[in-house]
Amino acid sequence: MRLATWNVNSIRARVDRVVDWLDRSGTDVLAMQEIKCKPEQFPREAFEAAGYELAIHGLNQWNGVAIASRVGLTDVETEFPLQPGFAKTGEPALEARALGATAGGVRVWSLYVPNGRGLADPHYAYKLDFLARLKDAAATWADGPTALVGDFNVAPLPTDIWSEEDSEAVTHVTPEARAAFHAFEDAGYTELSRRFIPDERTYTFWDYKALRFPKGEGMRIDFVYASAPLAERATGVTIVRDERKGKGASDHVPVVVDIAEA
């Protein structure tokens, strides 16, 4: 099975590009983040015509996650246990940041971890809480073939960001955020892109501003964490840098993992 994750940064703006890539890449399951639409607004016809069924979780024009699969899609969940909500004032509300489904015998979670915004912003505490509660939930899934994939909004190593002084990424490089990211290892998971692509300065995101992509000024923030039963079946990972090129590109690129049959 070929499983991929991609922060598409608005699926309605990039549906043709995403579906074309699915066809060219032979991807069986695609977890998407930042779809930026409600389920009724999702351009499902293009995916269905290409042979994919969909699970979609979006509440408004922000955030949103989806999974497209051509190997089955069952047991859909739109939140994980004790997932935190967020509101600067008033009662916290759950956002569309997590979507779980079983595809091809693998439990896949498409995840869009909060950005954090700034160290003094309540969103940063929300980010750390989200990661901590996700790790606790993931620990209960570790005995089965489980994949936690998506935009983690953390650059775990100093070499995962072009400059740790980047003002747009202050919440991505703190010791607390990095510790929260690495804590999934204690929950029984292996980050597969690092296993197969340990190279320094291999990025998955380049901001649109300041010519970041042509300058090579990016971050590695999109990852695939796999439980032990799934990690032992992984045969390779590809970071598709070329998908950041050309007209209408997302600011993220797909991360693809190949998984052997059980």
C-alpha atoms as a PDB file:
ATOM      1  CA  MET A   1       0.000   0.000   0.000  1.00  0.00           C
ATOM      2  CA  ARG A   2       1.193   3.492  -0.771  1.00  0.00           C
ATOM      3  CA  LEU A   3       0.163   6.003   1.899  1.00  0.00           C
ATOM      4  CA  ALA A   4       0.764   9.748   1.620  1.00  0.00           C
ATOM      5  CA  THR A   5       0.141  12.875   3.642  1.00  0.00           C
ATOM      6  CA  TRP A   6      -0.185  16.353   2.166  1.00  0.00           C
ATOM      7  CA  ASN A   7      -1.181  19.718   3.565  1.00  0.00           C
ATOM      8  CA  VAL A   8      -2.974  20.903   0.449  1.00  0.00           C
ATOM      9  CA  ASN A   9      -3.692  24.460   1.674  1.00  0.00           C
ATOM     10  CA  SER A  10      -7.225  24.648   0.233  1.00  0.00           C
ATOM     11  CA  ILE A  11      -8.459  21.629  -1.706  1.00  0.00           C
ATOM     12  CA  ARG A  12     -10.877  23.682  -3.798  1.00  0.00           C
ATOM     13  CA  ALA A  13      -7.960  25.722  -5.135  1.00  0.00           C
ATOM     14  CA  ARG A  14      -5.831  22.634  -5.873  1.00  0.00           C
ATOM     15  CA  VAL A  15      -8.182  19.757  -6.641  1.00  0.00           C
ATOM     16  CA  ASP A  16      -6.934  19.256 -10.219  1.00  0.00           C
ATOM     17  CA  ARG A  17      -3.337  19.254  -9.120  1.00  0.00           C
ATOM     18  CA  VAL A  18      -3.963  16.841  -6.222  1.00  0.00           C
ATOM     19  CA  VAL A  19      -5.994  14.356  -8.258  1.00  0.00           C
ATOM     20  CA  ASP A  20      -3.467  14.472 -11.091  1.00  0.00           C
ATOM     21  CA  TRP A  21      -0.696  13.688  -8.600  1.00  0.00           C
ATOM     22  CA  LEU A  22      -2.690  10.800  -7.149  1.00  0.00           C
ATOM     23  CA  ASP A  23      -2.970   9.305 -10.608  1.00  0.00           C
ATOM     24  CA  ARG A  24       0.714   9.778 -11.423  1.00  0.00           C
ATOM     25  CA  SER A  25       2.025   8.588  -8.070  1.00  0.00           C
ATOM     26  CA  GLY A  26      -0.037   5.447  -7.638  1.00  0.00           C
ATOM     27  CA  THR A  27      -1.047   6.509  -4.139  1.00  0.00           C
ATOM     28  CA  ASP A  28      -3.662   4.319  -2.475  1.00  0.00           C
ATOM     29  CA  VAL A  29      -4.446   6.468   0.551  1.00  0.00           C
ATOM     30  CA  LEU A  30      -3.966  10.226   0.864  1.00  0.00           C
ATOM     31  CA  ALA A  31      -4.377  12.069   4.161  1.00  0.00           C
ATOM     32  CA  MET A  32      -4.968  15.774   3.565  1.00  0.00           C
ATOM     33  CA  GLN A  33      -4.758  18.752   5.910  1.00  0.00           C
ATOM     34  CA  GLU A  34      -5.921  22.344   5.653  1.00  0.00           C
ATOM     35  CA  ILE A  35      -8.687  21.511   3.210  1.00  0.00           C
ATOM     36  CA  LYS A  36     -10.370  24.804   4.225  1.00  0.00           C
ATOM     37  CA  CYS A  37     -13.940  23.793   3.478  1.00  0.00           C
ATOM     38  CA  LYS A  38     -17.003  22.020   4.812  1.00  0.00           C
ATOM     39  CA  PRO A  39     -17.806  18.483   3.575  1.00  0.00           C
ATOM     40  CA  GLU A  40     -20.543  19.764   1.267  1.00  0.00           C
ATOM     41  CA  GLN A  41     -18.025  22.146  -0.341  1.00  0.00           C
ATOM     42  CA  PHE A  42     -15.355  19.506  -0.946  1.00  0.00           C
ATOM     43  CA  PRO A  43     -14.829  18.747  -4.677  1.00  0.00           C
ATOM     44  CA  ARG A  44     -15.555  15.076  -4.206  1.00  0.00           C
ATOM     45  CA  GLU A  45     -16.572  14.351  -7.793  1.00  0.00           C
ATOM     46  CA  ALA A  46     -12.992  14.565  -9.071  1.00  0.00           C
ATOM     47  CA  PHE A  47     -11.775  12.101  -6.431  1.00  0.00           C
ATOM     48  CA  GLU A  48     -14.644   9.701  -6.934  1.00  0.00           C
ATOM     49  CA  ALA A  49     -14.118   9.735 -10.712  1.00  0.00           C
ATOM     50  CA  ALA A  50     -10.512   8.719 -10.042  1.00  0.00           C
ATOM     51  CA  GLY A  51     -11.672   5.774  -7.913  1.00  0.00           C
ATOM     52  CA  TYR A  52     -11.300   7.189  -4.393  1.00  0.00           C
ATOM     53  CA  GLU A  53     -13.800   7.257  -1.577  1.00  0.00           C
ATOM     54  CA  LEU A  54     -13.631  10.057   0.949  1.00  0.00           C
ATOM     55  CA  ALA A  55     -13.867  10.872   4.620  1.00  0.00           C
ATOM     56  CA  ILE A  56     -14.046  14.627   5.223  1.00  0.00           C
ATOM     57  CA  HIS A  57     -14.046  16.719   8.371  1.00  0.00           C
ATOM     58  CA  GLY A  58     -14.316  20.473   7.951  1.00  0.00           C
ATOM     59  CA  LEU A  59     -16.309  23.013   9.932  1.00  0.00           C
ATOM     60  CA  ASN A  60     -15.592  26.289   8.137  1.00  0.00           C
ATOM     61  CA  GLN A  61     -13.040  27.924   5.846  1.00  0.00           C
ATOM     62  CA  TRP A  62     -10.204  27.179   8.289  1.00  0.00           C
ATOM     63  CA  ASN A  63      -8.322  23.992   9.127  1.00  0.00           C
ATOM     64  CA  GLY A  64     -10.061  20.805   7.960  1.00  0.00           C
ATOM     65  CA  VAL A  65      -8.799  17.294   7.297  1.00  0.00           C
ATOM     66  CA  ALA A  66      -9.715  14.543   4.848  1.00  0.00           C
ATOM     67  CA  ILE A  67      -8.722  11.048   3.752  1.00  0.00           C
ATOM     68  CA  ALA A  68      -9.055   9.684   0.215  1.00  0.00           C
ATOM     69  CA  SER A  69      -8.729   5.929  -0.281  1.00  0.00           C
ATOM     70  CA  ARG A  70      -9.047   3.420  -3.099  1.00  0.00           C
ATOM     71  CA  VAL A  71      -8.515   0.457  -0.730  1.00  0.00           C
ATOM     72  CA  GLY A  72     -11.552   0.895   1.495  1.00  0.00           C
ATOM     73  CA  LEU A  73     -12.530   3.398   4.151  1.00  0.00           C
ATOM     74  CA  THR A  74     -14.326   2.417   7.359  1.00  0.00           C
ATOM     75  CA  ASP A  75     -14.739   3.330  11.035  1.00  0.00           C
ATOM     76  CA  VAL A  76     -14.424   7.074  10.551  1.00  0.00           C
ATOM     77  CA  GLU A  77     -13.806   9.248  13.627  1.00  0.00           C
ATOM     78  CA  THR A  78     -13.683  13.050  13.636  1.00  0.00           C
ATOM     79  CA  GLU A  79     -11.802  13.462  16.912  1.00  0.00           C
ATOM     80  CA  PHE A  80      -9.494  11.493  19.173  1.00  0.00           C
ATOM     81  CA  PRO A  81     -10.236  10.828  22.867  1.00  0.00           C
ATOM     82  CA  LEU A  82      -9.919  13.974  25.007  1.00  0.00           C
ATOM     83  CA  GLN A  83      -8.968  16.097  22.012  1.00  0.00           C
ATOM     84  CA  PRO A  84      -8.744  19.691  23.274  1.00  0.00           C
ATOM     85  CA  GLY A  85     -10.666  22.597  21.856  1.00  0.00           C
ATOM     86  CA  PHE A  86      -9.669  26.219  21.482  1.00  0.00           C
ATOM     87  CA  ALA A  87     -11.110  29.675  21.965  1.00  0.00           C
ATOM     88  CA  LYS A  88      -9.330  32.866  23.017  1.00  0.00           C
ATOM     89  CA  THR A  89     -12.419  33.746  25.051  1.00  0.00           C
ATOM     90  CA  GLY A  90     -15.437  31.713  26.099  1.00  0.00           C
ATOM     91  CA  GLU A  91     -15.910  27.968  25.940  1.00  0.00           C
ATOM     92  CA  PRO A  92     -13.245  26.091  23.922  1.00  0.00           C
ATOM     93  CA  ALA A  93     -14.602  24.476  20.761  1.00  0.00           C
ATOM     94  CA  LEU A  94     -13.253  21.455  18.923  1.00  0.00           C
ATOM     95  CA  GLU A  95     -11.647  22.326  15.592  1.00  0.00           C
ATOM     96  CA  ALA A  96     -11.413  20.123  12.502  1.00  0.00           C
ATOM     97  CA  ARG A  97      -7.846  18.941  13.112  1.00  0.00           C
ATOM     98  CA  ALA A  98      -8.070  15.149  13.391  1.00  0.00           C
ATOM     99  CA  LEU A  99      -9.705  12.468  11.275  1.00  0.00           C
ATOM    100  CA  GLY A 100      -9.264   8.745  11.725  1.00  0.00           C
ATOM    101  CA  ALA A 101     -10.302   5.934   9.370  1.00  0.00           C
ATOM    102  CA  THR A 102      -9.270   2.389   8.503  1.00  0.00           C
ATOM    103  CA  ALA A 103      -7.959   2.005   4.956  1.00  0.00           C
ATOM    104  CA  GLY A 104      -6.395  -1.141   3.543  1.00  0.00           C
ATOM    105  CA  GLY A 105      -6.210  -2.607   7.036  1.00  0.00           C
ATOM    106  CA  VAL A 106      -4.264   0.384   8.426  1.00  0.00           C
ATOM    107  CA  ARG A 107      -5.684   2.828  10.939  1.00  0.00           C
ATOM    108  CA  VAL A 108      -4.824   6.233   9.491  1.00  0.00           C
ATOM    109  CA  TRP A 109      -5.088   9.527  11.358  1.00  0.00           C
ATOM    110  CA  SER A 110      -4.873  12.719   9.298  1.00  0.00           C
ATOM    111  CA  LEU A 111      -3.636  15.406  11.689  1.00  0.00           C
ATOM    112  CA  TYR A 112      -3.254  19.149  11.534  1.00  0.00           C
ATOM    113  CA  VAL A 113      -1.496  20.203  14.723  1.00  0.00           C
ATOM    114  CA  PRO A 114      -2.118  23.812  15.837  1.00  0.00           C
ATOM    115  CA  ASN A 115       0.505  26.317  14.721  1.00  0.00           C
ATOM    116  CA  GLY A 116       0.960  27.989  18.092  1.00  0.00           C
ATOM    117  CA  ARG A 117       1.161  31.497  16.607  1.00  0.00           C
ATOM    118  CA  GLY A 118       3.404  33.012  19.291  1.00  0.00           C
ATOM    119  CA  LEU A 119       4.991  32.048  22.588  1.00  0.00           C
ATOM    120  CA  ALA A 120       2.687  34.353  24.564  1.00  0.00           C
ATOM    121  CA  ASP A 121      -0.410  33.385  22.578  1.00  0.00           C
ATOM    122  CA  PRO A 122      -2.966  30.947  24.078  1.00  0.00           C
ATOM    123  CA  HIS A 123      -2.639  29.016  20.827  1.00  0.00           C
ATOM    124  CA  TYR A 124       0.831  27.863  21.888  1.00  0.00           C
ATOM    125  CA  ALA A 125      -0.494  26.233  25.068  1.00  0.00           C
ATOM    126  CA  TYR A 126      -3.239  24.717  22.913  1.00  0.00           C
ATOM    127  CA  LYS A 127      -0.606  23.285  20.564  1.00  0.00           C
ATOM    128  CA  LEU A 128       1.293  21.598  23.398  1.00  0.00           C
ATOM    129  CA  ASP A 129      -1.931  20.265  24.926  1.00  0.00           C
ATOM    130  CA  PHE A 130      -3.058  18.919  21.555  1.00  0.00           C
ATOM    131  CA  LEU A 131       0.221  17.037  21.075  1.00  0.00           C
ATOM    132  CA  ALA A 132       0.192  15.663  24.622  1.00  0.00           C
ATOM    133  CA  ARG A 133      -3.372  14.382  24.417  1.00  0.00           C
ATOM    134  CA  LEU A 134      -2.781  12.955  20.950  1.00  0.00           C
ATOM    135  CA  LYS A 135       0.238  11.065  22.276  1.00  0.00           C
ATOM    136  CA  ASP A 136      -1.839   9.635  25.138  1.00  0.00           C
ATOM    137  CA  ALA A 137      -4.528   8.502  22.708  1.00  0.00           C
ATOM    138  CA  ALA A 138      -1.952   7.101  20.289  1.00  0.00           C
ATOM    139  CA  ALA A 139      -0.428   4.975  23.037  1.00  0.00           C
ATOM    140  CA  THR A 140      -3.717   3.065  23.241  1.00  0.00           C
ATOM    141  CA  TRP A 141      -3.588   2.346  19.474  1.00  0.00           C
ATOM    142  CA  ALA A 142       0.043   1.223  19.348  1.00  0.00           C
ATOM    143  CA  ASP A 143      -0.644  -2.521  19.298  1.00  0.00           C
ATOM    144  CA  GLY A 144      -2.277  -2.331  15.874  1.00  0.00           C
ATOM    145  CA  PRO A 145      -1.110  -1.021  12.475  1.00  0.00           C
ATOM    146  CA  THR A 146      -1.570   2.700  13.078  1.00  0.00           C
ATOM    147  CA  ALA A 147      -0.268   5.720  11.167  1.00  0.00           C
ATOM    148  CA  LEU A 148      -0.268   9.251  12.577  1.00  0.00           C
ATOM    149  CA  VAL A 149       0.363  11.462   9.575  1.00  0.00           C
ATOM    150  CA  GLY A 150       0.152  15.123   8.747  1.00  0.00           C
ATOM    151  CA  ASP A 151       1.371  18.604   9.489  1.00  0.00           C
ATOM    152  CA  PHE A 152       2.820  18.550  13.007  1.00  0.00           C
ATOM    153  CA  ASN A 153       3.956  22.197  12.939  1.00  0.00           C
ATOM    154  CA  VAL A 154       7.169  21.207  14.720  1.00  0.00           C
ATOM    155  CA  ALA A 155      10.714  21.228  13.314  1.00  0.00           C
ATOM    156  CA  PRO A 156      12.136  18.503  15.595  1.00  0.00           C
ATOM    157  CA  LEU A 157      15.835  19.072  14.857  1.00  0.00           C
ATOM    158  CA  PRO A 158      17.837  22.261  14.276  1.00  0.00           C
ATOM    159  CA  THR A 159      18.537  21.005  10.742  1.00  0.00           C
ATOM    160  CA  ASP A 160      14.778  20.746  10.065  1.00  0.00           C
ATOM    161  CA  ILE A 161      14.529  24.505   9.560  1.00  0.00           C
ATOM    162  CA  TRP A 162      16.546  26.867   7.425  1.00  0.00           C
ATOM    163  CA  SER A 163      17.041  29.205  10.414  1.00  0.00           C
ATOM    164  CA  GLU A 164      15.943  28.794  14.014  1.00  0.00           C
ATOM    165  CA  GLU A 165      15.697  32.585  14.104  1.00  0.00           C
ATOM    166  CA  ASP A 166      12.803  32.555  11.612  1.00  0.00           C
ATOM    167  CA  SER A 167      10.191  34.795  13.231  1.00  0.00           C
ATOM    168  CA  GLU A 168       7.375  32.841  11.574  1.00  0.00           C
ATOM    169  CA  ALA A 169       8.383  29.623  13.324  1.00  0.00           C
ATOM    170  CA  VAL A 170       9.099  30.529  16.934  1.00  0.00           C
ATOM    171  CA  THR A 171       6.614  27.937  18.243  1.00  0.00           C
ATOM    172  CA  HIS A 172       8.039  25.197  16.013  1.00  0.00           C
ATOM    173  CA  VAL A 173      11.497  25.055  17.554  1.00  0.00           C
ATOM    174  CA  THR A 174      11.015  25.402  21.304  1.00  0.00           C
ATOM    175  CA  PRO A 175      12.319  22.654  23.610  1.00  0.00           C
ATOM    176  CA  GLU A 176       8.732  22.038  24.747  1.00  0.00           C
ATOM    177  CA  ALA A 177       7.368  21.575  21.217  1.00  0.00           C
ATOM    178  CA  ARG A 178      10.266  19.341  20.237  1.00  0.00           C
ATOM    179  CA  ALA A 179       9.866  17.238  23.392  1.00  0.00           C
ATOM    180  CA  ALA A 180       6.141  16.865  22.681  1.00  0.00           C
ATOM    181  CA  PHE A 181       6.939  15.669  19.166  1.00  0.00           C
ATOM    182  CA  HIS A 182       9.551  13.140  20.285  1.00  0.00           C
ATOM    183  CA  ALA A 183       7.212  11.830  23.012  1.00  0.00           C
ATOM    184  CA  PHE A 184       5.420   9.739  20.380  1.00  0.00           C
ATOM    185  CA  GLU A 185       8.493   7.501  20.381  1.00  0.00           C
ATOM    186  CA  ASP A 186       7.771   6.704  24.031  1.00  0.00           C
ATOM    187  CA  ALA A 187       4.207   5.820  23.010  1.00  0.00           C
ATOM    188  CA  GLY A 188       5.541   3.097  20.681  1.00  0.00           C
ATOM    189  CA  TYR A 189       5.852   4.946  17.364  1.00  0.00           C
ATOM    190  CA  THR A 190       8.634   5.422  14.813  1.00  0.00           C
ATOM    191  CA  GLU A 191       8.860   8.457  12.544  1.00  0.00           C
ATOM    192  CA  LEU A 192       9.368   6.826   9.158  1.00  0.00           C
ATOM    193  CA  SER A 193      10.595   9.741   7.062  1.00  0.00           C
ATOM    194  CA  ARG A 194      13.600  10.117   9.339  1.00  0.00           C
ATOM    195  CA  ARG A 195      14.360   6.395   9.090  1.00  0.00           C
ATOM    196  CA  PHE A 196      14.504   6.457   5.308  1.00  0.00           C
ATOM    197  CA  ILE A 197      15.492  10.088   4.671  1.00  0.00           C
ATOM    198  CA  PRO A 198      17.858  11.179   7.457  1.00  0.00           C
ATOM    199  CA  ASP A 199      19.422  13.864   5.266  1.00  0.00           C
ATOM    200  CA  GLU A 200      19.802  17.279   6.822  1.00  0.00           C
ATOM    201  CA  ARG A 201      17.993  20.197   5.208  1.00  0.00           C
ATOM    202  CA  THR A 202      15.343  17.993   3.615  1.00  0.00           C
ATOM    203  CA  TYR A 203      12.222  20.105   3.907  1.00  0.00           C
ATOM    204  CA  THR A 204       8.479  19.610   3.383  1.00  0.00           C
ATOM    205  CA  PHE A 205       7.315  23.242   3.625  1.00  0.00           C
ATOM    206  CA  TRP A 206       8.432  26.552   2.142  1.00  0.00           C
ATOM    207  CA  ASP A 207       6.534  29.751   2.896  1.00  0.00           C
ATOM    208  CA  TYR A 208       5.199  31.690  -0.074  1.00  0.00           C
ATOM    209  CA  LYS A 209       6.831  34.855   1.244  1.00  0.00           C
ATOM    210  CA  ALA A 210      10.319  36.169   0.522  1.00  0.00           C
ATOM    211  CA  LEU A 211      11.090  33.619  -2.222  1.00  0.00           C
ATOM    212  CA  ARG A 212      11.608  30.929   0.415  1.00  0.00           C
ATOM    213  CA  PHE A 213      11.393  28.022  -2.027  1.00  0.00           C
ATOM    214  CA  PRO A 214      13.949  29.153  -4.612  1.00  0.00           C
ATOM    215  CA  LYS A 215      16.222  30.216  -1.760  1.00  0.00           C
ATOM    216  CA  GLY A 216      15.929  26.782  -0.129  1.00  0.00           C
ATOM    217  CA  GLU A 217      14.580  28.292   3.087  1.00  0.00           C
ATOM    218  CA  GLY A 218      12.135  25.696   4.322  1.00  0.00           C
ATOM    219  CA  MET A 219      11.096  23.516   7.222  1.00  0.00           C
ATOM    220  CA  ARG A 220      10.533  19.812   7.749  1.00  0.00           C
ATOM    221  CA  ILE A 221       7.198  19.716   9.584  1.00  0.00           C
ATOM    222  CA  ASP A 222       5.158  16.999   7.804  1.00  0.00           C
ATOM    223  CA  PHE A 223       5.709  13.503   9.197  1.00  0.00           C
ATOM    224  CA  VAL A 224       4.585   9.869   9.311  1.00  0.00           C
ATOM    225  CA  TYR A 225       4.609   8.240  12.731  1.00  0.00           C
ATOM    226  CA  ALA A 226       3.943   4.483  12.598  1.00  0.00           C
ATOM    227  CA  SER A 227       3.212   1.987  15.353  1.00  0.00           C
ATOM    228  CA  ALA A 228       5.637  -0.941  15.623  1.00  0.00           C
ATOM    229  CA  PRO A 229       3.393  -3.408  13.723  1.00  0.00           C
ATOM    230  CA  LEU A 230       3.193  -0.923  10.840  1.00  0.00           C
ATOM    231  CA  ALA A 231       6.756   0.379  10.979  1.00  0.00           C
ATOM    232  CA  GLU A 232       8.174  -3.089  10.394  1.00  0.00           C
ATOM    233  CA  ARG A 233       6.235  -3.239   7.120  1.00  0.00           C
ATOM    234  CA  ALA A 234       7.532   0.099   5.786  1.00  0.00           C
ATOM    235  CA  THR A 235       9.809  -0.262   2.765  1.00  0.00           C
ATOM    236  CA  GLY A 236      10.530   3.336   1.802  1.00  0.00           C
ATOM    237  CA  VAL A 237       9.626   7.017   2.059  1.00  0.00           C
ATOM    238  CA  THR A 238       9.653   9.781  -0.545  1.00  0.00           C
ATOM    239  CA  ILE A 239       9.371  13.532  -0.001  1.00  0.00           C
ATOM    240  CA  VAL A 240       8.022  14.868  -3.292  1.00  0.00           C
ATOM    241  CA  ARG A 241       9.835  18.198  -3.499  1.00  0.00           C
ATOM    242  CA  ASP A 242       8.815  18.838  -7.117  1.00  0.00           C
ATOM    243  CA  GLU A 243       5.189  19.353  -6.046  1.00  0.00           C
ATOM    244  CA  ARG A 244       6.216  22.715  -4.581  1.00  0.00           C
ATOM    245  CA  LYS A 245       7.075  23.864  -8.110  1.00  0.00           C
ATOM    246  CA  GLY A 246       4.836  25.438 -10.702  1.00  0.00           C
ATOM    247  CA  LYS A 247       1.587  27.341 -10.764  1.00  0.00           C
ATOM    248  CA  GLY A 248      -0.901  26.766  -7.986  1.00  0.00           C
ATOM    249  CA  ALA A 249       1.370  24.754  -5.708  1.00  0.00           C
ATOM    250  CA  SER A 250       0.638  24.263  -2.035  1.00  0.00           C
ATOM    251  CA  ASP A 251       3.313  25.524   0.336  1.00  0.00           C
ATOM    252  CA  HIS A 252       3.721  21.907   1.537  1.00  0.00           C
ATOM    253  CA  VAL A 253       4.655  18.790  -0.451  1.00  0.00           C
ATOM    254  CA  PRO A 254       3.516  15.165  -0.120  1.00  0.00           C
ATOM    255  CA  VAL A 255       5.341  12.721   2.108  1.00  0.00           C
ATOM    256  CA  VAL A 256       4.834   9.168   0.825  1.00  0.00           C
ATOM    257  CA  VAL A 257       5.441   5.859   2.587  1.00  0.00           C
ATOM    258  CA  ASP A 258       5.333   2.422   0.964  1.00  0.00           C
ATOM    259  CA  ILE A 259       3.989  -0.394   3.136  1.00  0.00           C
ATOM    260  CA  ALA A 260       4.321  -4.099   2.421  1.00  0.00           C
ATOM    261  CA  GLU A 261       1.353  -6.413   2.879  1.00  0.00           C
ATOM    262  CA  ALA A 262       1.038  -8.036   6.286  1.00  0.00           C
END
